[in-house]
PDB file of N, CA and C in Angstrom:
ATOM      1  N   MET A   1      89.138 123.308 102.692  1.00  0.00           N
ATOM      2  CA  MET A   1      89.388 122.294 102.259  1.00  0.00           C
ATOM      3  C   MET A   1      89.496 122.195 100.661  1.00  0.00           C
ATOM      4  N   GLU A   2      90.125 120.869 100.697  1.00  0.00           N
ATOM      5  CA  GLU A   2      91.088 121.434  99.440  1.00  0.00           C
ATOM      6  C   GLU A   2      90.549 120.341  97.953  1.00  0.00           C
ATOM      7  N   PRO A   3      90.345 120.484  97.180  1.00  0.00           N
ATOM      8  CA  PRO A   3      90.065 120.121  95.853  1.00  0.00           C
ATOM      9  C   PRO A   3      90.160 118.760  95.508  1.00  0.00           C
ATOM     10  N   ARG A   4      89.123 117.729  95.476  1.00  0.00           N
ATOM     11  CA  ARG A   4      89.003 116.788  94.844  1.00  0.00           C
ATOM     12  C   ARG A   4      90.363 116.065  93.811  1.00  0.00           C
ATOM     13  N   GLY A   5      90.204 116.419  92.869  1.00  0.00           N
ATOM     14  CA  GLY A   5      91.230 116.234  92.525  1.00  0.00           C
ATOM     15  C   GLY A   5      92.627 116.219  92.789  1.00  0.00           C
ATOM     16  N   ASP A   6      93.158 116.888  93.909  1.00  0.00           N
ATOM     17  CA  ASP A   6      94.091 116.767  94.490  1.00  0.00           C
ATOM     18  C   ASP A   6      93.825 115.519  95.282  1.00  0.00           C
ATOM     19  N   VAL A   7      93.487 115.690  96.176  1.00  0.00           N
ATOM     20  CA  VAL A   7      93.552 114.192  96.707  1.00  0.00           C
ATOM     21  C   VAL A   7      93.467 113.434  95.954  1.00  0.00           C
ATOM     22  N   HIS A   8      92.767 112.782  95.183  1.00  0.00           N
ATOM     23  CA  HIS A   8      93.148 111.613  94.110  1.00  0.00           C
ATOM     24  C   HIS A   8      94.626 111.499  93.981  1.00  0.00           C
ATOM     25  N   ASP A   9      94.517 112.347  93.061  1.00  0.00           N
ATOM     26  CA  ASP A   9      96.073 113.403  92.279  1.00  0.00           C
ATOM     27  C   ASP A   9      96.838 112.886  93.310  1.00  0.00           C
ATOM     28  N   GLU A  10      96.651 112.635  95.023  1.00  0.00           N
ATOM     29  CA  GLU A  10      97.344 112.599  95.518  1.00  0.00           C
ATOM     30  C   GLU A  10      98.046 110.734  95.914  1.00  0.00           C
ATOM     31  N   GLU A  11      96.062 110.517  96.841  1.00  0.00           N
ATOM     32  CA  GLU A  11      96.748 109.475  96.747  1.00  0.00           C
ATOM     33  C   GLU A  11      97.200 108.037  95.136  1.00  0.00           C
ATOM     34  N   ALA A  12      97.045 108.856  93.858  1.00  0.00           N
ATOM     35  CA  ALA A  12      97.894 107.693  92.942  1.00  0.00           C
ATOM     36  C   ALA A  12      98.986 108.002  93.172  1.00  0.00           C
ATOM     37  N   ALA A  13      99.177 108.614  93.342  1.00  0.00           N
ATOM     38  CA  ALA A  13     100.909 108.713  93.160  1.00  0.00           C
ATOM     39  C   ALA A  13     100.957 107.697  94.595  1.00  0.00           C
ATOM     40  N   ARG A  14     100.470 107.903  95.346  1.00  0.00           N
ATOM     41  CA  ARG A  14     101.508 106.653  96.670  1.00  0.00           C
ATOM     42  C   ARG A  14     101.440 105.649  96.295  1.00  0.00           C
ATOM     43  N   PHE A  15     100.176 105.702  95.297  1.00  0.00           N
ATOM     44  CA  PHE A  15      99.144 103.315  94.418  1.00  0.00           C
ATOM     45  C   PHE A  15     101.102 103.437  93.827  1.00  0.00           C
ATOM     46  N   THR A  16     100.817 104.553  92.788  1.00  0.00           N
ATOM     47  CA  THR A  16     102.358 103.869  92.043  1.00  0.00           C
ATOM     48  C   THR A  16     103.756 103.620  92.669  1.00  0.00           C
ATOM     49  N   ARG A  17     103.958 105.038  93.936  1.00  0.00           N
ATOM     50  CA  ARG A  17     104.898 104.641  94.685  1.00  0.00           C
ATOM     51  C   ARG A  17     104.802 103.432  95.084  1.00  0.00           C
ATOM     52  N   GLU A  18     104.005 102.919  95.776  1.00  0.00           N
ATOM     53  CA  GLU A  18     104.331 101.962  96.324  1.00  0.00           C
ATOM     54  C   GLU A  18     103.881 100.712  95.432  1.00  0.00           C
ATOM     55  N   ILE A  19     103.520 100.732  94.289  1.00  0.00           N
ATOM     56  CA  ILE A  19     103.795  99.486  92.946  1.00  0.00           C
ATOM     57  C   ILE A  19     105.440  98.858  92.939  1.00  0.00           C
ATOM     58  N   ALA A  20     105.760 100.210  92.867  1.00  0.00           N
ATOM     59  CA  ALA A  20     107.137 100.334  92.371  1.00  0.00           C
ATOM     60  C   ALA A  20     108.429 100.126  93.470  1.00  0.00           C
ATOM     61  N   THR A  21     107.390 100.251  95.033  1.00  0.00           N
ATOM     62  CA  THR A  21     108.922  99.458  95.671  1.00  0.00           C
ATOM     63  C   THR A  21     108.421  98.154  95.701  1.00  0.00           C
ATOM     64  N   VAL A  22     107.044  97.756  95.927  1.00  0.00           N
ATOM     65  CA  VAL A  22     107.126  96.645  96.095  1.00  0.00           C
ATOM     66  C   VAL A  22     107.917  95.894  94.438  1.00  0.00           C
ATOM     67  N   LEU A  23     107.524  95.723  93.558  1.00  0.00           N
ATOM     68  CA  LEU A  23     108.322  94.738  92.114  1.00  0.00           C
ATOM     69  C   LEU A  23     110.154  95.050  92.418  1.00  0.00           C
ATOM     70  N   ALA A  24     110.872  96.923  92.940  1.00  0.00           N
ATOM     71  CA  ALA A  24     112.149  96.854  93.568  1.00  0.00           C
ATOM     72  C   ALA A  24     112.621  95.804  94.083  1.00  0.00           C
ATOM     73  N   ASP A  25     111.926  96.027  95.314  1.00  0.00           N
ATOM     74  CA  ASP A  25     111.884  94.341  96.120  1.00  0.00           C
ATOM     75  C   ASP A  25     112.191  93.358  95.317  1.00  0.00           C
ATOM     76  N   ALA A  26     110.755  93.123  94.455  1.00  0.00           N
ATOM     77  CA  ALA A  26     110.500  91.592  94.423  1.00  0.00           C
ATOM     78  C   ALA A  26     112.265  91.489  93.258  1.00  0.00           C
ATOM     79  N   GLU A  27     112.353  91.870  92.412  1.00  0.00           N
ATOM     80  CA  GLU A  27     113.371  92.371  91.547  1.00  0.00           C
ATOM     81  C   GLU A  27     114.879  91.251  91.782  1.00  0.00           C
ATOM     82  N   ARG A  28     114.862  92.844  93.496  1.00  0.00           N
ATOM     83  CA  ARG A  28     116.116  92.231  94.396  1.00  0.00           C
ATOM     84  C   ARG A  28     116.455  91.083  94.817  1.00  0.00           C
ATOM     85  N   ALA A  29     115.077  90.741  94.851  1.00  0.00           N
ATOM     86  CA  ALA A  29     115.030  89.045  95.809  1.00  0.00           C
ATOM     87  C   ALA A  29     115.144  88.452  94.715  1.00  0.00           C
ATOM     88  N   GLY A  30     115.113  88.957  93.971  1.00  0.00           N
ATOM     89  CA  GLY A  30     115.079  88.383  92.020  1.00  0.00           C
ATOM     90  C   GLY A  30     114.269  87.082  91.588  1.00  0.00           C
ATOM     91  N   ALA A  31     113.165  87.433  92.082  1.00  0.00           N
ATOM     92  CA  ALA A  31     111.546  87.058  91.688  1.00  0.00           C
ATOM     93  C   ALA A  31     111.428  86.869  90.541  1.00  0.00           C
ATOM     94  N   PHE A  32     111.933  87.744  89.470  1.00  0.00           N
ATOM     95  CA  PHE A  32     111.309  87.828  88.785  1.00  0.00           C
ATOM     96  C   PHE A  32     113.172  88.692  87.592  1.00  0.00           C
ATOM     97  N   SER A  33     112.937  87.619  86.602  1.00  0.00           N
ATOM     98  CA  SER A  33     113.767  88.375  85.252  1.00  0.00           C
ATOM     99  C   SER A  33     113.387  89.211  83.878  1.00  0.00           C
ATOM    100  N   HIS A  34     112.015  89.259  83.801  1.00  0.00           N
ATOM    101  CA  HIS A  34     111.123  89.508  82.802  1.00  0.00           C
ATOM    102  C   HIS A  34     109.933  90.474  82.875  1.00  0.00           C
ATOM    103  N   ILE A  35     109.700  91.099  82.853  1.00  0.00           N
ATOM    104  CA  ILE A  35     108.059  91.669  83.617  1.00  0.00           C
ATOM    105  C   ILE A  35     107.021  91.989  82.680  1.00  0.00           C
ATOM    106  N   ILE A  36     106.232  92.181  82.633  1.00  0.00           N
ATOM    107  CA  ILE A  36     104.988  92.009  82.269  1.00  0.00           C
ATOM    108  C   ILE A  36     103.821  93.691  82.152  1.00  0.00           C
ATOM    109  N   ILE A  37     104.117  94.622  82.001  1.00  0.00           N
ATOM    110  CA  ILE A  37     103.481  95.669  82.556  1.00  0.00           C
ATOM    111  C   ILE A  37     101.690  95.979  82.318  1.00  0.00           C
ATOM    112  N   ILE A  38     100.654  95.869  82.367  1.00  0.00           N
ATOM    113  CA  ILE A  38      99.710  95.885  82.522  1.00  0.00           C
ATOM    114  C   ILE A  38      99.167  97.728  83.289  1.00  0.00           C
ATOM    115  N   ALA A  39      98.162  98.262  82.662  1.00  0.00           N
ATOM    116  CA  ALA A  39      97.531  98.982  83.196  1.00  0.00           C
ATOM    117  C   ALA A  39      97.508 100.264  83.175  1.00  0.00           C
ATOM    118  N   ALA A  40      96.441 101.096  83.623  1.00  0.00           N
ATOM    119  CA  ALA A  40      95.648 101.954  82.482  1.00  0.00           C
ATOM    120  C   ALA A  40      96.960 103.021  82.083  1.00  0.00           C
ATOM    121  N   PRO A  41      96.191 103.961  80.871  1.00  0.00           N
ATOM    122  CA  PRO A  41      97.955 104.699  80.493  1.00  0.00           C
ATOM    123  C   PRO A  41      98.123 105.531  81.585  1.00  0.00           C
ATOM    124  N   ARG A  42      96.937 106.542  82.097  1.00  0.00           N
ATOM    125  CA  ARG A  42      98.247 107.218  83.069  1.00  0.00           C
ATOM    126  C   ARG A  42      98.812 106.737  83.824  1.00  0.00           C
ATOM    127  N   LEU A  43      98.086 105.568  84.726  1.00  0.00           N
ATOM    128  CA  LEU A  43      99.153 104.924  85.894  1.00  0.00           C
ATOM    129  C   LEU A  43     100.324 104.539  85.157  1.00  0.00           C
ATOM    130  N   LEU A  44     100.057 103.732  83.905  1.00  0.00           N
ATOM    131  CA  LEU A  44     101.264 103.297  83.121  1.00  0.00           C
ATOM    132  C   LEU A  44     102.712 104.230  83.145  1.00  0.00           C
ATOM    133  N   GLY A  45     102.310 106.001  82.774  1.00  0.00           N
ATOM    134  CA  GLY A  45     103.327 107.082  82.964  1.00  0.00           C
ATOM    135  C   GLY A  45     103.561 107.084  84.114  1.00  0.00           C
ATOM    136  N   GLN A  46     102.760 107.061  85.075  1.00  0.00           N
ATOM    137  CA  GLN A  46     103.623 107.348  86.216  1.00  0.00           C
ATOM    138  C   GLN A  46     105.016 106.152  86.650  1.00  0.00           C
ATOM    139  N   LEU A  47     104.357 104.950  86.626  1.00  0.00           N
ATOM    140  CA  LEU A  47     105.090 103.888  86.679  1.00  0.00           C
ATOM    141  C   LEU A  47     106.222 103.723  86.117  1.00  0.00           C
ATOM    142  N   ARG A  48     106.612 104.229  84.788  1.00  0.00           N
ATOM    143  CA  ARG A  48     107.451 104.605  84.308  1.00  0.00           C
ATOM    144  C   ARG A  48     108.201 105.392  84.561  1.00  0.00           C
ATOM    145  N   ASP A  49     108.180 106.473  85.410  1.00  0.00           N
ATOM    146  CA  ASP A  49     109.217 107.323  86.013  1.00  0.00           C
ATOM    147  C   ASP A  49     109.215 107.366  87.512  1.00  0.00           C
ATOM    148  N   ALA A  50     108.781 105.969  88.000  1.00  0.00           N
ATOM    149  CA  ALA A  50     108.659 105.900  89.739  1.00  0.00           C
ATOM    150  C   ALA A  50     109.402 104.653  89.524  1.00  0.00           C
ATOM    151  N   LEU A  51     109.774 103.869  88.418  1.00  0.00           N
ATOM    152  CA  LEU A  51     110.514 102.623  88.796  1.00  0.00           C
ATOM    153  C   LEU A  51     112.292 102.584  88.966  1.00  0.00           C
ATOM    154  N   PRO A  52     113.018 102.153  88.756  1.00  0.00           N
ATOM    155  CA  PRO A  52     114.475 101.710  89.549  1.00  0.00           C
ATOM    156  C   PRO A  52     114.575 101.307  88.040  1.00  0.00           C
ATOM    157  N   ASP A  53     115.533 101.792  87.632  1.00  0.00           N
ATOM    158  CA  ASP A  53     116.254 101.622  86.292  1.00  0.00           C
ATOM    159  C   ASP A  53     116.370  99.873  86.578  1.00  0.00           C
ATOM    160  N   ALA A  54     116.806  99.417  87.050  1.00  0.00           N
ATOM    161  CA  ALA A  54     116.806  97.221  87.411  1.00  0.00           C
ATOM    162  C   ALA A  54     115.545  97.044  86.821  1.00  0.00           C
ATOM    163  N   VAL A  55     114.123  97.590  87.741  1.00  0.00           N
ATOM    164  CA  VAL A  55     112.860  97.442  87.591  1.00  0.00           C
ATOM    165  C   VAL A  55     113.035  97.240  85.580  1.00  0.00           C
ATOM    166  N   LYS A  56     113.119  98.121  85.212  1.00  0.00           N
ATOM    167  CA  LYS A  56     112.628  99.110  84.324  1.00  0.00           C
ATOM    168  C   LYS A  56     113.493  97.870  82.612  1.00  0.00           C
ATOM    169  N   ARG A  57     114.683  97.318  83.331  1.00  0.00           N
ATOM    170  CA  ARG A  57     115.429  96.816  82.831  1.00  0.00           C
ATOM    171  C   ARG A  57     115.100  95.072  82.045  1.00  0.00           C
ATOM    172  N   CYS A  58     114.024  95.214  83.258  1.00  0.00           N
ATOM    173  CA  CYS A  58     113.030  93.872  82.846  1.00  0.00           C
ATOM    174  C   CYS A  58     111.768  93.818  82.601  1.00  0.00           C
ATOM    175  N   VAL A  59     111.650  95.035  82.406  1.00  0.00           N
ATOM    176  CA  VAL A  59     110.294  95.501  81.609  1.00  0.00           C
ATOM    177  C   VAL A  59     110.868  95.097  80.097  1.00  0.00           C
ATOM    178  N   THR A  60     108.977  93.783  79.726  1.00  0.00           N
ATOM    179  CA  THR A  60     109.375  93.217  78.039  1.00  0.00           C
ATOM    180  C   THR A  60     108.183  93.673  77.265  1.00  0.00           C
ATOM    181  N   THR A  61     107.071  94.542  78.440  1.00  0.00           N
ATOM    182  CA  THR A  61     106.153  94.537  77.260  1.00  0.00           C
ATOM    183  C   THR A  61     105.466  95.187  77.766  1.00  0.00           C
ATOM    184  N   GLU A  62     104.384  96.384  77.923  1.00  0.00           N
ATOM    185  CA  GLU A  62     104.190  97.215  78.450  1.00  0.00           C
ATOM    186  C   GLU A  62     102.590  97.069  77.636  1.00  0.00           C
ATOM    187  N   ILE A  63     101.832  97.453  78.290  1.00  0.00           N
ATOM    188  CA  ILE A  63     100.393  97.768  77.300  1.00  0.00           C
ATOM    189  C   ILE A  63      99.558  98.550  78.466  1.00  0.00           C
ATOM    190  N   ALA A  64      99.250  99.538  78.006  1.00  0.00           N
ATOM    191  CA  ALA A  64      98.282 101.100  78.400  1.00  0.00           C
ATOM    192  C   ALA A  64      96.945 100.522  78.241  1.00  0.00           C
ATOM    193  N   LYS A  65      96.633  99.626  79.397  1.00  0.00           N
ATOM    194  CA  LYS A  65      95.042  99.216  79.029  1.00  0.00           C
ATOM    195  C   LYS A  65      94.467  99.404  80.736  1.00  0.00           C
ATOM    196  N   ASP A  66      92.866  99.825  80.665  1.00  0.00           N
ATOM    197  CA  ASP A  66      92.843  99.311  81.878  1.00  0.00           C
ATOM    198  C   ASP A  66      91.637  98.171  82.081  1.00  0.00           C
ATOM    199  N   LEU A  67      91.740  97.737  83.196  1.00  0.00           N
ATOM    200  CA  LEU A  67      91.406  96.252  83.170  1.00  0.00           C
ATOM    201  C   LEU A  67      90.471  96.024  84.235  1.00  0.00           C
ATOM    202  N   THR A  68      90.525  96.814  84.944  1.00  0.00           N
ATOM    203  CA  THR A  68      89.705  97.667  86.451  1.00  0.00           C
ATOM    204  C   THR A  68      88.321  96.935  86.150  1.00  0.00           C
ATOM    205  N   ALA A  69      87.452  96.905  85.365  1.00  0.00           N
ATOM    206  CA  ALA A  69      86.304  96.690  84.877  1.00  0.00           C
ATOM    207  C   ALA A  69      85.497  95.182  84.438  1.00  0.00           C
ATOM    208  N   TYR A  70      87.598  94.380  84.176  1.00  0.00           N
ATOM    209  CA  TYR A  70      86.719  92.804  83.720  1.00  0.00           C
ATOM    210  C   TYR A  70      86.370  92.362  85.334  1.00  0.00           C
ATOM    211  N   ASP A  71      85.852  90.769  84.623  1.00  0.00           N
ATOM    212  CA  ASP A  71      85.537  89.626  86.394  1.00  0.00           C
ATOM    213  C   ASP A  71      86.568  89.282  85.140  1.00  0.00           C
ATOM    214  N   ALA A  72      86.942  87.894  86.294  1.00  0.00           N
ATOM    215  CA  ALA A  72      88.318  87.386  85.993  1.00  0.00           C
ATOM    216  C   ALA A  72      87.760  86.495  84.750  1.00  0.00           C
ATOM    217  N   ALA A  73      86.933  85.887  84.559  1.00  0.00           N
ATOM    218  CA  ALA A  73      86.704  85.301  83.014  1.00  0.00           C
ATOM    219  C   ALA A  73      87.147  86.159  81.924  1.00  0.00           C
ATOM    220  N   GLN A  74      86.621  87.722  82.298  1.00  0.00           N
ATOM    221  CA  GLN A  74      87.042  88.449  80.822  1.00  0.00           C
ATOM    222  C   GLN A  74      88.472  89.041  80.830  1.00  0.00           C
ATOM    223  N   LEU A  75      89.074  88.787  81.937  1.00  0.00           N
ATOM    224  CA  LEU A  75      90.432  89.237  81.877  1.00  0.00           C
ATOM    225  C   LEU A  75      91.193  87.767  81.861  1.00  0.00           C
ATOM    226  N   THR A  76      91.058  86.689  82.191  1.00  0.00           N
ATOM    227  CA  THR A  76      91.844  85.622  81.737  1.00  0.00           C
ATOM    228  C   THR A  76      91.493  85.055  81.025  1.00  0.00           C
ATOM    229  N   ASP A  77      90.609  85.075  79.645  1.00  0.00           N
ATOM    230  CA  ASP A  77      89.972  85.772  78.018  1.00  0.00           C
ATOM    231  C   ASP A  77      90.700  86.918  77.264  1.00  0.00           C
ATOM    232  N   TRP A  78      91.280  87.915  78.339  1.00  0.00           N
ATOM    233  CA  TRP A  78      91.438  88.942  77.501  1.00  0.00           C
ATOM    234  C   TRP A  78      92.665  88.807  76.920  1.00  0.00           C
ATOM    235  N   LEU A  79      93.500  87.800  78.468  1.00  0.00           N
ATOM    236  CA  LEU A  79      95.080  87.560  78.595  1.00  0.00           C
ATOM    237  C   LEU A  79      95.383  86.908  77.526  1.00  0.00           C
ATOM    238  N   ARG A  80      94.813  85.562  77.626  1.00  0.00           N
ATOM    239  CA  ARG A  80      95.398  84.527  76.298  1.00  0.00           C
ATOM    240  C   ARG A  80      95.227  85.153  75.356  1.00  0.00           C
ATOM    241  N   LYS A  81      94.329  86.095  74.611  1.00  0.00           N
ATOM    242  CA  LYS A  81      93.849  86.669  73.516  1.00  0.00           C
ATOM    243  C   LYS A  81      95.272  87.389  73.072  1.00  0.00           C
ATOM    244  N   GLU A  82      94.988  88.176  73.708  1.00  0.00           N
ATOM    245  CA  GLU A  82      96.838  89.661  74.193  1.00  0.00           C
ATOM    246  C   GLU A  82      97.638  88.950  74.128  1.00  0.00           C
ATOM    247  N   LEU A  83      97.808  88.069  75.155  1.00  0.00           N
ATOM    248  CA  LEU A  83      99.403  87.849  75.245  1.00  0.00           C
ATOM    249  C   LEU A  83      99.638  86.766  74.845  1.00  0.00           C
ATOM    250  N   TRP A  84      98.989  85.140  75.049  1.00  0.00           N
ATOM    251  CA  TRP A  84      99.564  83.834  75.264  1.00  0.00           C
ATOM    252  C   TRP A  84      99.236  83.330  73.748  1.00  0.00           C
ATOM    253  N   GLU A  85      98.737  84.198  73.626  1.00  0.00           N
ATOM    254  CA  GLU A  85      98.310  83.361  71.772  1.00  0.00           C
ATOM    255  C   GLU A  85      98.741  84.159  70.914  1.00  0.00           C
ATOM    256  N   LYS A  86      99.733  86.207  71.053  1.00  0.00           N
ATOM    257  CA  LYS A  86     100.211  86.124  70.373  1.00  0.00           C
ATOM    258  C   LYS A  86     101.350  86.007  70.510  1.00  0.00           C
ATOM    259  N   GLY A  87     102.618  85.417  71.872  1.00  0.00           N
ATOM    260  CA  GLY A  87     103.499  84.878  72.182  1.00  0.00           C
ATOM    261  C   GLY A  87     104.261  84.202  70.945  1.00  0.00           C
TER     262      GLY A  87
END
């Protein structure tokens, strides 16, 4: 039996590859020319490694923050304060 950490790490790597693929496909389709990436610090680091150069060139801002515990209202408030009002 494999340790739980190995299973969790493999699932995180698969998820990161999936995100990178979706973003690469969207960039090729012209869905964005600029993108802001907000992710938990560890995931953000993995994404940096997984993203193709074409997507990396589109990244205008990276924010290392885990927002998964935020509800919709908290997320909206945080985005407003950190991105829209600062911009």
